[in-house]
Amino acid sequence: MSEVLEDLGRVLARIRSAVLAGDFHLLAGLEEELEALRPDLRGMEPARLAPLLAQASANQRLLAAASRGVRAAQRRLAELARAMEGFQTYDAAGHLQPGGAKAIRLRRRI
């Protein structure tokens, strides 16, 4: 049984490394590895699983933070795309004015 716990610990560590490195494409394969280990965990003492549960919880927090970061990047890219189309103005009541100004060509710096 300790071999299963060690294998699970290694998979959880690889998930952590993949998330921290931004290698999200690796997560699908690691999920399959986790699923393959799951039947071997049935009937195991909860005390023996506690460190792995803590590791899994930490990974869950990392994944949630990575997800928030991806969504923020998507929003920012959408904002930049809208800015390249032109800017929008609002009237005194806060309503969007039709026909904002056309965007000027900007040089992109990399």
Protein backbone atom coordinates (compact mmCIF):
# COMPACT_ATOMS: atom_id res chain seq x y z
CA MET A 1 0.00 0.00 0.00
CA SER A 2 2.83 2.43 0.68
CA GLU A 3 3.89 2.08 -2.96
CA VAL A 4 0.47 3.39 -4.03
CA LEU A 5 0.84 6.34 -1.66
CA GLU A 6 4.30 7.10 -3.03
CA ASP A 7 3.00 6.89 -6.61
CA LEU A 8 0.13 9.20 -5.74
CA GLY A 9 2.51 11.64 -4.07
CA ARG A 10 4.70 11.66 -7.18
CA VAL A 11 1.71 12.32 -9.46
CA LEU A 12 0.52 15.16 -7.21
CA ALA A 13 4.04 16.64 -7.25
CA ARG A 14 4.11 16.45 -11.05
CA ILE A 15 0.74 18.21 -11.21
CA ARG A 16 2.13 20.98 -9.01
CA SER A 17 5.20 21.32 -11.22
CA ALA A 18 3.11 21.38 -14.40
CA VAL A 19 0.83 24.11 -13.06
CA LEU A 20 3.72 26.23 -11.79
CA ALA A 21 5.50 25.89 -15.13
CA GLY A 22 2.34 26.62 -17.11
CA ASP A 23 2.51 23.21 -18.81
CA PHE A 24 -1.24 22.70 -18.72
CA HIS A 25 -1.15 20.25 -21.61
CA LEU A 26 0.44 17.71 -19.24
CA LEU A 27 -2.53 17.74 -16.88
CA ALA A 28 -4.73 15.45 -18.98
CA GLY A 29 -2.19 12.63 -18.80
CA LEU A 30 -1.67 13.18 -15.09
CA GLU A 31 -5.42 13.02 -14.51
CA GLU A 32 -5.43 9.59 -16.14
CA GLU A 33 -2.65 8.48 -13.80
CA LEU A 34 -4.64 9.70 -10.80
CA GLU A 35 -7.72 7.84 -11.96
CA ALA A 36 -5.69 4.65 -12.37
CA LEU A 37 -4.51 4.91 -8.74
CA ARG A 38 -7.94 5.62 -7.28
CA PRO A 39 -9.19 2.01 -6.94
CA ASP A 40 -6.06 1.12 -4.93
CA LEU A 41 -6.93 3.76 -2.33
CA ARG A 42 -10.23 2.18 -1.27
CA GLY A 43 -10.26 1.02 2.31
CA MET A 44 -7.05 2.86 3.16
CA GLU A 45 -6.77 4.45 6.58
CA PRO A 46 -7.65 8.17 6.46
CA ALA A 47 -4.62 9.02 8.60
CA ARG A 48 -2.31 7.64 5.91
CA LEU A 49 -4.07 9.75 3.27
CA ALA A 50 -3.95 13.03 5.22
CA PRO A 51 -0.61 14.28 3.79
CA LEU A 52 -1.78 13.48 0.28
CA LEU A 53 -5.07 15.27 0.87
CA ALA A 54 -3.11 18.34 1.95
CA GLN A 55 -1.00 18.09 -1.20
CA ALA A 56 -4.12 17.69 -3.35
CA SER A 57 -5.74 20.71 -1.66
CA ALA A 58 -2.65 22.80 -2.37
CA ASN A 59 -2.82 21.71 -6.02
CA GLN A 60 -6.49 22.64 -6.12
CA ARG A 61 -5.64 26.15 -4.91
CA LEU A 62 -2.88 26.44 -7.52
CA LEU A 63 -5.24 25.30 -10.28
CA ALA A 64 -7.88 27.81 -9.17
CA ALA A 65 -5.30 30.61 -9.19
CA ALA A 66 -4.05 29.55 -12.63
CA SER A 67 -7.62 29.52 -13.91
CA ARG A 68 -8.18 33.06 -12.59
CA GLY A 69 -4.96 34.14 -14.29
CA VAL A 70 -6.01 32.66 -17.62
CA ARG A 71 -9.40 34.38 -17.41
CA ALA A 72 -7.69 37.70 -16.57
CA ALA A 73 -5.38 37.30 -19.57
CA GLN A 74 -8.36 36.55 -21.82
CA ARG A 75 -10.14 39.68 -20.58
CA ARG A 76 -7.02 41.77 -21.15
CA LEU A 77 -6.58 40.43 -24.67
CA ALA A 78 -10.22 41.22 -25.43
CA GLU A 79 -9.71 44.76 -24.10
CA LEU A 80 -6.66 45.21 -26.31
CA ALA A 81 -8.56 43.91 -29.34
CA ARG A 82 -11.37 46.39 -28.66
CA ALA A 83 -8.85 49.20 -28.22
CA MET A 84 -7.31 48.42 -31.59
CA GLU A 85 -10.76 48.85 -33.19
CA GLY A 86 -11.21 52.34 -31.80
CA PHE A 87 -12.17 53.94 -28.56
CA GLN A 88 -15.63 54.37 -27.14
CA THR A 89 -17.11 57.38 -25.42
CA TYR A 90 -19.98 57.78 -23.00
CA ASP A 91 -22.48 60.57 -22.54
CA ALA A 92 -23.16 62.40 -19.26
CA ALA A 93 -25.68 59.71 -18.25
CA GLY A 94 -23.07 56.97 -18.68
CA HIS A 95 -24.53 55.52 -21.87
CA LEU A 96 -22.28 54.38 -24.69
CA GLN A 97 -22.14 56.92 -27.52
CA PRO A 98 -22.60 55.43 -30.97
CA GLY A 99 -19.80 55.78 -33.50
CA GLY A 100 -16.66 56.14 -31.42
CA ALA A 101 -13.47 57.27 -33.08
CA LYS A 102 -11.56 54.93 -35.35
CA ALA A 103 -8.34 53.56 -33.98
CA ILE A 104 -5.10 54.94 -35.22
CA ARG A 105 -2.42 52.53 -36.32
CA LEU A 106 -0.01 51.88 -33.49
CA ARG A 107 3.31 50.21 -33.80
CA ARG A 108 3.55 47.13 -31.69
CA ARG A 109 6.62 46.70 -29.61
CA ILE A 110 7.77 43.29 -28.58
